[in-house]
C-alpha atoms as a PDB file:
ATOM      1  CA  MET A   1       5.875  44.305  14.520  1.00  0.00           C
ATOM      2  CA  ASP A   2       6.861  40.729  13.730  1.00  0.00           C
ATOM      3  CA  ASN A   3       9.636  39.213  16.294  1.00  0.00           C
ATOM      4  CA  LEU A   4      11.416  37.791  14.024  1.00  0.00           C
ATOM      5  CA  ILE A   5      13.782  39.926  11.358  1.00  0.00           C
ATOM      6  CA  SER A   6      15.716  37.686   8.922  1.00  0.00           C
ATOM      7  CA  MET A   7      19.885  38.766   8.176  1.00  0.00           C
ATOM      8  CA  SER A   8      18.247  39.696   4.896  1.00  0.00           C
ATOM      9  CA  TYR A   9      15.963  42.188   5.941  1.00  0.00           C
ATOM     10  CA  LEU A  10      18.558  43.436   8.514  1.00  0.00           C
ATOM     11  CA  ASN A  11      20.809  44.293   6.047  1.00  0.00           C
ATOM     12  CA  LYS A  12      18.544  45.405   3.330  1.00  0.00           C
ATOM     13  CA  HIS A  13      17.385  47.698   6.189  1.00  0.00           C
ATOM     14  CA  LEU A  14      21.199  48.460   7.914  1.00  0.00           C
ATOM     15  CA  HIS A  15      20.658  52.194   7.215  1.00  0.00           C
ATOM     16  CA  ASP A  16      17.469  53.023   8.048  1.00  0.00           C
ATOM     17  CA  LYS A  17      16.741  55.973  10.445  1.00  0.00           C
ATOM     18  CA  SER A  18      14.249  54.199  12.046  1.00  0.00           C
ATOM     19  CA  LEU A  19      15.861  51.427  13.554  1.00  0.00           C
ATOM     20  CA  VAL A  20      18.133  51.227  16.548  1.00  0.00           C
ATOM     21  CA  ILE A  21      20.269  48.154  16.855  1.00  0.00           C
ATOM     22  CA  VAL A  22      21.675  46.239  19.988  1.00  0.00           C
ATOM     23  CA  ASP A  23      23.706  44.318  20.690  1.00  0.00           C
ATOM     24  CA  CYS A  24      23.887  42.269  23.293  1.00  0.00           C
ATOM     25  CA  ARG A  25      26.563  39.578  23.426  1.00  0.00           C
ATOM     26  CA  PHE A  26      26.830  38.278  26.437  1.00  0.00           C
ATOM     27  CA  ASN A  27      28.028  35.060  28.872  1.00  0.00           C
ATOM     28  CA  LEU A  28      27.531  34.160  32.211  1.00  0.00           C
ATOM     29  CA  ALA A  29      30.858  32.387  33.041  1.00  0.00           C
ATOM     30  CA  GLN A  30      32.638  35.732  31.887  1.00  0.00           C
ATOM     31  CA  PRO A  31      30.757  38.627  32.211  1.00  0.00           C
ATOM     32  CA  ASN A  32      32.968  40.762  30.055  1.00  0.00           C
ATOM     33  CA  GLU A  33      33.590  38.715  27.477  1.00  0.00           C
ATOM     34  CA  GLY A  34      30.313  40.507  24.838  1.00  0.00           C
ATOM     35  CA  ARG A  35      31.844  44.098  25.466  1.00  0.00           C
ATOM     36  CA  GLU A  36      34.947  42.508  24.607  1.00  0.00           C
ATOM     37  CA  ALA A  37      33.595  40.679  21.463  1.00  0.00           C
ATOM     38  CA  TYR A  38      31.421  44.112  20.817  1.00  0.00           C
ATOM     39  CA  LYS A  39      34.041  46.373  20.662  1.00  0.00           C
ATOM     40  CA  GLN A  40      36.309  43.692  18.578  1.00  0.00           C
ATOM     41  CA  ASP A  41      33.536  44.173  15.805  1.00  0.00           C
ATOM     42  CA  HIS A  42      29.511  44.341  15.397  1.00  0.00           C
ATOM     43  CA  ILE A  43      26.359  44.810  13.188  1.00  0.00           C
ATOM     44  CA  LYS A  44      26.665  48.319  11.400  1.00  0.00           C
ATOM     45  CA  GLY A  45      24.936  50.947  13.208  1.00  0.00           C
ATOM     46  CA  ALA A  46      24.308  48.962  17.042  1.00  0.00           C
ATOM     47  CA  HIS A  47      24.797  49.657  20.525  1.00  0.00           C
ATOM     48  CA  TYR A  48      25.953  47.564  22.834  1.00  0.00           C
ATOM     49  CA  LEU A  49      23.388  46.865  26.320  1.00  0.00           C
ATOM     50  CA  HIS A  50      25.380  44.023  28.587  1.00  0.00           C
ATOM     51  CA  LEU A  51      23.183  41.705  30.466  1.00  0.00           C
ATOM     52  CA  ASP A  52      24.379  42.414  34.266  1.00  0.00           C
ATOM     53  CA  GLU A  53      24.762  46.404  34.169  1.00  0.00           C
ATOM     54  CA  ASP A  54      21.826  47.636  31.698  1.00  0.00           C
ATOM     55  CA  LEU A  55      19.714  44.910  31.486  1.00  0.00           C
ATOM     56  CA  SER A  56      19.704  44.193  34.944  1.00  0.00           C
ATOM     57  CA  SER A  57      20.346  45.603  38.873  1.00  0.00           C
ATOM     58  CA  ASP A  58      22.093  44.829  41.188  1.00  0.00           C
ATOM     59  CA  VAL A  59      21.877  41.277  43.211  1.00  0.00           C
ATOM     60  CA  LEU A  60      20.537  41.359  46.394  1.00  0.00           C
ATOM     61  CA  GLU A  61      19.854  38.742  48.812  1.00  0.00           C
ATOM     62  CA  HIS A  62      16.439  37.888  47.756  1.00  0.00           C
ATOM     63  CA  GLY A  63      15.249  38.004  44.208  1.00  0.00           C
ATOM     64  CA  GLY A  64      17.331  36.805  42.064  1.00  0.00           C
ATOM     65  CA  ARG A  65      20.608  36.377  39.558  1.00  0.00           C
ATOM     66  CA  HIS A  66      19.260  38.515  37.454  1.00  0.00           C
ATOM     67  CA  PRO A  67      16.144  41.324  38.825  1.00  0.00           C
ATOM     68  CA  LEU A  68      15.109  43.275  37.279  1.00  0.00           C
ATOM     69  CA  PRO A  69      16.305  46.920  35.414  1.00  0.00           C
ATOM     70  CA  THR A  70      15.325  50.247  37.939  1.00  0.00           C
ATOM     71  CA  ILE A  71      12.346  51.690  35.414  1.00  0.00           C
ATOM     72  CA  ASP A  72      14.391  55.012  35.615  1.00  0.00           C
ATOM     73  CA  THR A  73      17.749  53.856  35.343  1.00  0.00           C
ATOM     74  CA  PHE A  74      17.085  52.152  32.680  1.00  0.00           C
ATOM     75  CA  VAL A  75      14.570  54.243  30.390  1.00  0.00           C
ATOM     76  CA  ASN A  76      17.874  56.602  30.820  1.00  0.00           C
ATOM     77  CA  LYS A  77      20.166  53.860  28.790  1.00  0.00           C
ATOM     78  CA  LEU A  78      17.166  52.995  26.147  1.00  0.00           C
ATOM     79  CA  GLU A  79      17.113  57.538  25.658  1.00  0.00           C
ATOM     80  CA  GLN A  80      20.874  57.404  25.389  1.00  0.00           C
ATOM     81  CA  ILE A  81      21.579  55.119  22.372  1.00  0.00           C
ATOM     82  CA  GLY A  82      18.214  56.805  21.031  1.00  0.00           C
ATOM     83  CA  ILE A  83      15.308  54.558  21.151  1.00  0.00           C
ATOM     84  CA  ASP A  84      12.269  56.029  21.774  1.00  0.00           C
ATOM     85  CA  LYS A  85       7.886  55.206  20.343  1.00  0.00           C
ATOM     86  CA  THR A  86       8.510  55.837  16.359  1.00  0.00           C
ATOM     87  CA  LYS A  87      12.212  53.221  16.269  1.00  0.00           C
ATOM     88  CA  HIS A  88      12.046  49.653  15.755  1.00  0.00           C
ATOM     89  CA  VAL A  89      14.761  48.104  17.686  1.00  0.00           C
ATOM     90  CA  ILE A  90      16.303  45.020  16.575  1.00  0.00           C
ATOM     91  CA  ALA A  91      18.514  42.727  18.967  1.00  0.00           C
ATOM     92  CA  TYR A  92      21.365  40.418  19.009  1.00  0.00           C
ATOM     93  CA  ASP A  93      23.331  38.152  20.525  1.00  0.00           C
ATOM     94  CA  ASP A  94      25.247  34.993  19.781  1.00  0.00           C
ATOM     95  CA  GLN A  95      23.979  33.177  22.633  1.00  0.00           C
ATOM     96  CA  ASP A  96      20.518  31.417  20.592  1.00  0.00           C
ATOM     97  CA  GLY A  97      19.131  34.121  21.437  1.00  0.00           C
ATOM     98  CA  PRO A  98      18.290  34.564  25.319  1.00  0.00           C
ATOM     99  CA  PHE A  99      19.901  37.891  26.129  1.00  0.00           C
ATOM    100  CA  ALA A 100      18.640  39.290  22.578  1.00  0.00           C
ATOM    101  CA  SER A 101      14.714  38.150  24.416  1.00  0.00           C
ATOM    102  CA  ARG A 102      16.031  39.464  27.378  1.00  0.00           C
ATOM    103  CA  LEU A 103      15.667  42.616  26.230  1.00  0.00           C
ATOM    104  CA  TRP A 104      12.880  41.101  24.090  1.00  0.00           C
ATOM    105  CA  TRP A 105      10.842  40.917  26.615  1.00  0.00           C
ATOM    106  CA  LEU A 106      12.399  43.880  28.680  1.00  0.00           C
ATOM    107  CA  LEU A 107      10.762  46.828  25.504  1.00  0.00           C
ATOM    108  CA  ASN A 108       7.965  44.672  25.740  1.00  0.00           C
ATOM    109  CA  TYR A 109       7.269  45.395  29.039  1.00  0.00           C
ATOM    110  CA  LEU A 110       7.572  49.173  28.892  1.00  0.00           C
ATOM    111  CA  GLY A 111       4.720  48.711  26.574  1.00  0.00           C
ATOM    112  CA  HIS A 112       7.120  48.888  23.655  1.00  0.00           C
ATOM    113  CA  ASP A 113       6.311  46.643  20.437  1.00  0.00           C
ATOM    114  CA  LYS A 114       8.442  47.747  17.892  1.00  0.00           C
ATOM    115  CA  VAL A 115      11.149  45.217  18.404  1.00  0.00           C
ATOM    116  CA  SER A 116      12.618  42.173  16.818  1.00  0.00           C
ATOM    117  CA  VAL A 117      14.971  39.404  17.628  1.00  0.00           C
ATOM    118  CA  LEU A 118      17.204  38.914  14.951  1.00  0.00           C
ATOM    119  CA  ASN A 119      16.176  35.039  13.986  1.00  0.00           C
ATOM    120  CA  GLU A 120      20.510  34.389  13.535  1.00  0.00           C
ATOM    121  CA  ASN A 121      23.570  34.445  15.387  1.00  0.00           C
ATOM    122  CA  TYR A 122      25.675  36.868  15.008  1.00  0.00           C
ATOM    123  CA  SER A 123      28.671  34.689  14.071  1.00  0.00           C
ATOM    124  CA  THR A 124      26.195  33.630  11.395  1.00  0.00           C
ATOM    125  CA  TRP A 125      25.525  37.234   9.854  1.00  0.00           C
ATOM    126  CA  LYS A 126      29.891  37.775   9.902  1.00  0.00           C
ATOM    127  CA  GLU A 127      29.617  34.289   8.391  1.00  0.00           C
ATOM    128  CA  ALA A 128      27.577  35.524   5.977  1.00  0.00           C
ATOM    129  CA  GLY A 129      29.827  38.692   4.940  1.00  0.00           C
ATOM    130  CA  TYR A 130      27.502  41.143   6.125  1.00  0.00           C
ATOM    131  CA  PRO A 131      28.575  44.708   7.305  1.00  0.00           C
ATOM    132  CA  ILE A 132      30.509  44.843   9.999  1.00  0.00           C
ATOM    133  CA  THR A 133      32.424  47.264  12.153  1.00  0.00           C
ATOM    134  CA  ASP A 134      34.710  47.684  14.902  1.00  0.00           C
ATOM    135  CA  GLU A 135      32.851  51.642  14.740  1.00  0.00           C
ATOM    136  CA  VAL A 136      30.594  52.326  17.953  1.00  0.00           C
ATOM    137  CA  PRO A 137      27.783  54.523  16.566  1.00  0.00           C
ATOM    138  CA  VAL A 138      27.116  57.667  18.507  1.00  0.00           C
ATOM    139  CA  LYS A 139      24.607  58.070  20.807  1.00  0.00           C
ATOM    140  CA  VAL A 140      21.016  60.293  19.885  1.00  0.00           C
ATOM    141  CA  ASN A 141      19.513  61.521  22.402  1.00  0.00           C
ATOM    142  CA  THR A 142      15.861  60.498  22.920  1.00  0.00           C
ATOM    143  CA  THR A 143      12.741  60.787  24.775  1.00  0.00           C
ATOM    144  CA  PHE A 144      11.520  57.094  25.939  1.00  0.00           C
ATOM    145  CA  HIS A 145       7.540  57.037  27.619  1.00  0.00           C
ATOM    146  CA  PRO A 146       7.429  53.500  29.190  1.00  0.00           C
ATOM    147  CA  GLN A 147       3.577  51.994  29.749  1.00  0.00           C
ATOM    148  CA  ILE A 148       4.132  49.712  32.162  1.00  0.00           C
ATOM    149  CA  GLN A 149       2.101  46.274  31.427  1.00  0.00           C
ATOM    150  CA  SER A 150       1.877  44.491  34.667  1.00  0.00           C
ATOM    151  CA  ASP A 151      -0.144  41.497  33.105  1.00  0.00           C
ATOM    152  CA  MET A 152       2.878  40.736  31.813  1.00  0.00           C
ATOM    153  CA  ILE A 153       5.100  39.249  34.856  1.00  0.00           C
ATOM    154  CA  VAL A 154       4.501  37.994  38.172  1.00  0.00           C
ATOM    155  CA  ASP A 155       6.527  37.620  41.239  1.00  0.00           C
ATOM    156  CA  ILE A 156       6.869  35.218  43.798  1.00  0.00           C
ATOM    157  CA  ASP A 157       3.970  36.108  45.944  1.00  0.00           C
ATOM    158  CA  GLN A 158       1.816  35.656  43.311  1.00  0.00           C
ATOM    159  CA  VAL A 159       2.990  32.594  41.650  1.00  0.00           C
ATOM    160  CA  LYS A 160       2.537  31.350  45.963  1.00  0.00           C
ATOM    161  CA  GLU A 161      -1.054  32.712  45.876  1.00  0.00           C
ATOM    162  CA  GLN A 162      -1.518  31.660  42.476  1.00  0.00           C
ATOM    163  CA  LYS A 163      -0.467  28.369  43.429  1.00  0.00           C
ATOM    164  CA  LYS A 164      -2.669  27.837  46.544  1.00  0.00           C
ATOM    165  CA  GLN A 165      -6.146  28.582  43.880  1.00  0.00           C
ATOM    166  CA  ASN A 166      -4.243  26.311  40.519  1.00  0.00           C
ATOM    167  CA  ALA A 167      -4.958  28.949  39.087  1.00  0.00           C
ATOM    168  CA  LEU A 168      -1.824  28.818  36.821  1.00  0.00           C
ATOM    169  CA  THR A 169      -0.227  26.980  34.267  1.00  0.00           C
ATOM    170  CA  LEU A 170       4.108  27.276  35.671  1.00  0.00           C
ATOM    171  CA  ILE A 171       6.561  26.452  33.095  1.00  0.00           C
ATOM    172  CA  ASP A 172      10.190  25.508  33.401  1.00  0.00           C
ATOM    173  CA  ALA A 173      12.526  26.218  30.603  1.00  0.00           C
ATOM    174  CA  ARG A 174      15.630  25.088  32.422  1.00  0.00           C
ATOM    175  CA  ALA A 175      17.486  22.019  30.484  1.00  0.00           C
ATOM    176  CA  GLU A 176      15.743  18.845  32.286  1.00  0.00           C
ATOM    177  CA  GLU A 177      18.325  17.696  34.420  1.00  0.00           C
ATOM    178  CA  ARG A 178      18.335  21.042  36.308  1.00  0.00           C
ATOM    179  CA  TYR A 179      14.137  21.088  36.363  1.00  0.00           C
ATOM    180  CA  LEU A 180      15.068  17.426  37.514  1.00  0.00           C
ATOM    181  CA  GLY A 181      17.368  17.824  40.038  1.00  0.00           C
ATOM    182  CA  GLU A 182      20.154  15.576  38.505  1.00  0.00           C
ATOM    183  CA  LYS A 183      22.183  18.736  38.246  1.00  0.00           C
ATOM    184  CA  GLU A 184      23.019  22.580  39.634  1.00  0.00           C
ATOM    185  CA  PRO A 185      25.520  24.355  38.295  1.00  0.00           C
ATOM    186  CA  ILE A 186      24.431  27.691  39.382  1.00  0.00           C
ATOM    187  CA  ASP A 187      22.020  28.042  41.735  1.00  0.00           C
ATOM    188  CA  PHE A 188      20.950  27.330  45.708  1.00  0.00           C
ATOM    189  CA  LYS A 189      19.361  24.365  45.436  1.00  0.00           C
ATOM    190  CA  ALA A 190      18.520  21.458  42.890  1.00  0.00           C
ATOM    191  CA  GLY A 191      15.127  20.949  41.613  1.00  0.00           C
ATOM    192  CA  HIS A 192      12.018  23.171  40.541  1.00  0.00           C
ATOM    193  CA  ILE A 193       9.321  24.837  41.823  1.00  0.00           C
ATOM    194  CA  PRO A 194       6.196  22.318  42.623  1.00  0.00           C
ATOM    195  CA  GLY A 195       3.543  21.667  39.754  1.00  0.00           C
ATOM    196  CA  ALA A 196       5.773  22.878  37.728  1.00  0.00           C
ATOM    197  CA  ILE A 197       6.149  21.318  34.232  1.00  0.00           C
ATOM    198  CA  ASN A 198       9.562  20.973  31.950  1.00  0.00           C
ATOM    199  CA  TYR A 199      10.081  22.789  28.152  1.00  0.00           C
ATOM    200  CA  PHE A 200      13.485  23.649  27.804  1.00  0.00           C
ATOM    201  CA  TRP A 201      13.468  26.520  25.917  1.00  0.00           C
ATOM    202  CA  LYS A 202      16.518  25.218  23.660  1.00  0.00           C
ATOM    203  CA  ASN A 203      13.561  23.280  22.193  1.00  0.00           C
ATOM    204  CA  THR A 204      12.334  26.290  20.393  1.00  0.00           C
ATOM    205  CA  LEU A 205      15.141  26.302  18.174  1.00  0.00           C
ATOM    206  CA  THR A 206      15.882  24.418  15.502  1.00  0.00           C
ATOM    207  CA  ASP A 207      19.563  22.770  15.591  1.00  0.00           C
ATOM    208  CA  LYS A 208      21.185  25.846  14.140  1.00  0.00           C
ATOM    209  CA  GLY A 209      19.757  28.095  16.058  1.00  0.00           C
ATOM    210  CA  LEU A 210      16.900  28.850  14.616  1.00  0.00           C
ATOM    211  CA  MET A 211      13.013  29.454  15.665  1.00  0.00           C
ATOM    212  CA  LYS A 212      11.767  26.570  15.558  1.00  0.00           C
ATOM    213  CA  SER A 213       8.628  27.285  12.648  1.00  0.00           C
ATOM    214  CA  ASN A 214       5.146  27.807  13.726  1.00  0.00           C
ATOM    215  CA  GLU A 215       3.991  24.330  12.848  1.00  0.00           C
ATOM    216  CA  ALA A 216       6.679  23.172  14.755  1.00  0.00           C
ATOM    217  CA  LEU A 217       5.833  25.397  17.799  1.00  0.00           C
ATOM    218  CA  GLU A 218       2.152  24.314  18.230  1.00  0.00           C
ATOM    219  CA  THR A 219       3.124  20.339  18.423  1.00  0.00           C
ATOM    220  CA  TYR A 220       5.681  20.992  21.294  1.00  0.00           C
ATOM    221  CA  PHE A 221       3.446  22.857  23.033  1.00  0.00           C
ATOM    222  CA  ALA A 222      -0.062  21.035  21.980  1.00  0.00           C
ATOM    223  CA  SER A 223       0.037  21.074  25.776  1.00  0.00           C
ATOM    224  CA  LEU A 224      -0.937  23.851  26.477  1.00  0.00           C
ATOM    225  CA  GLN A 225      -2.916  25.682  23.666  1.00  0.00           C
ATOM    226  CA  ASN A 226      -6.167  24.916  27.266  1.00  0.00           C
ATOM    227  CA  LYS A 227      -4.156  25.932  29.875  1.00  0.00           C
ATOM    228  CA  ASP A 228      -4.865  29.426  31.400  1.00  0.00           C
ATOM    229  CA  ASN A 229      -2.460  31.196  32.889  1.00  0.00           C
ATOM    230  CA  LEU A 230       1.262  30.772  31.883  1.00  0.00           C
ATOM    231  CA  VAL A 231       3.557  31.438  33.456  1.00  0.00           C
ATOM    232  CA  VAL A 232       7.339  31.070  32.029  1.00  0.00           C
ATOM    233  CA  TYR A 233      10.480  31.024  34.661  1.00  0.00           C
ATOM    234  CA  CYS A 234      14.192  29.759  34.534  1.00  0.00           C
ATOM    235  CA  GLY A 235      17.386  30.701  35.741  1.00  0.00           C
ATOM    236  CA  SER A 236      17.003  34.067  36.764  1.00  0.00           C
ATOM    237  CA  GLY A 237      14.654  34.886  33.872  1.00  0.00           C
ATOM    238  CA  VAL A 238      16.645  35.738  30.742  1.00  0.00           C
ATOM    239  CA  THR A 239      16.784  32.342  28.927  1.00  0.00           C
ATOM    240  CA  ALA A 240      12.937  32.029  29.986  1.00  0.00           C
ATOM    241  CA  SER A 241      12.389  35.024  27.849  1.00  0.00           C
ATOM    242  CA  VAL A 242      13.217  33.036  24.898  1.00  0.00           C
ATOM    243  CA  THR A 243       9.986  29.988  25.547  1.00  0.00           C
ATOM    244  CA  VAL A 244       7.850  33.993  25.923  1.00  0.00           C
ATOM    245  CA  LEU A 245       8.288  35.002  22.388  1.00  0.00           C
ATOM    246  CA  ALA A 246       8.608  31.644  21.381  1.00  0.00           C
ATOM    247  CA  LEU A 247       4.419  31.720  22.771  1.00  0.00           C
ATOM    248  CA  ASP A 248       4.309  34.767  21.796  1.00  0.00           C
ATOM    249  CA  ASN A 249       4.912  33.697  18.247  1.00  0.00           C
ATOM    250  CA  LEU A 250       1.878  31.231  17.567  1.00  0.00           C
ATOM    251  CA  GLY A 251      -0.698  33.803  19.636  1.00  0.00           C
ATOM    252  CA  ILE A 252      -0.472  33.068  23.494  1.00  0.00           C
ATOM    253  CA  LYS A 253       0.339  35.053  26.192  1.00  0.00           C
ATOM    254  CA  ALA A 254       3.229  33.824  28.622  1.00  0.00           C
ATOM    255  CA  LYS A 255       3.837  35.917  32.168  1.00  0.00           C
ATOM    256  CA  LEU A 256       7.026  35.733  33.272  1.00  0.00           C
ATOM    257  CA  TYR A 257       8.669  35.262  36.815  1.00  0.00           C
ATOM    258  CA  PRO A 258      11.871  37.799  36.558  1.00  0.00           C
ATOM    259  CA  GLY A 259      13.319  36.322  39.649  1.00  0.00           C
ATOM    260  CA  GLY A 260      12.390  31.831  38.665  1.00  0.00           C
ATOM    261  CA  TRP A 261      14.551  29.481  40.852  1.00  0.00           C
ATOM    262  CA  SER A 262      17.380  31.490  42.453  1.00  0.00           C
ATOM    263  CA  ASP A 263      14.806  33.917  43.629  1.00  0.00           C
ATOM    264  CA  TRP A 264      12.847  30.603  44.466  1.00  0.00           C
ATOM    265  CA  SER A 265      15.200  28.647  45.778  1.00  0.00           C
ATOM    266  CA  SER A 266      17.020  31.548  47.721  1.00  0.00           C
ATOM    267  CA  TYR A 267      14.477  30.881  50.850  1.00  0.00           C
ATOM    268  CA  ASP A 268      14.622  28.277  52.970  1.00  0.00           C
ATOM    269  CA  GLU A 269      10.698  27.408  53.626  1.00  0.00           C
ATOM    270  CA  ASN A 270      10.053  27.055  49.836  1.00  0.00           C
ATOM    271  CA  PRO A 271       9.471  23.619  48.893  1.00  0.00           C
ATOM    272  CA  VAL A 272      11.424  21.616  46.269  1.00  0.00           C
ATOM    273  CA  ALA A 273      10.262  19.433  43.879  1.00  0.00           C
ATOM    274  CA  LYS A 274      12.387  16.410  42.149  1.00  0.00           C
END
């Protein structure tokens, strides 16, 4: 199953009963904006999943700003919008892919690899004149059996232990100014996890928000080709999903540290590099 799907492919298969389309639009600064935009119009047949309410669990003192959803709750939400092992899920957003990629990662984590991200923003779909609607599709309950892929994820204790053993390559997917500690608009402290190298997630995209070609990605990630145990983090595990997806396009399997910098920096004793 391809990680990325074109607008033309989705348009041709809009009425395919094996597809489940999911609108993941979201604005970190205005959490209700994506849902309100969905109510206005969306790709025909698309359901909506909210980053905070559906693709994450409650925020605690530690664990980051977008902890992974609890498995049972998330599976129940997948079942409510008709996702089971037979369905090809296509996710999209309007922010160059991080929220759609979050769903892509979560489904892969649950053992469901029939999932793709629309390689265009919703705005582009709309401007191209493809079908949109304000009608909310009827929910069809299904049964989803998760098969957790525990090798896709690391927690803070594993990061610390593997750092001690020099047994991981840690990738920071945030913007360079946040990595360098020059600017930190969101989290507790500025800087990065010592030893991490910076690969800003947006550098995997073209100016139009499309994922770059594999040839361009190979050049960008050239220094990672022979590295072992790649672990990607960002502020809270969302935009890092784009980097994991881009690496997966090259056949490079990277793990995700979902808590990311927001988790790491929530502990006073953790070292910070700038």
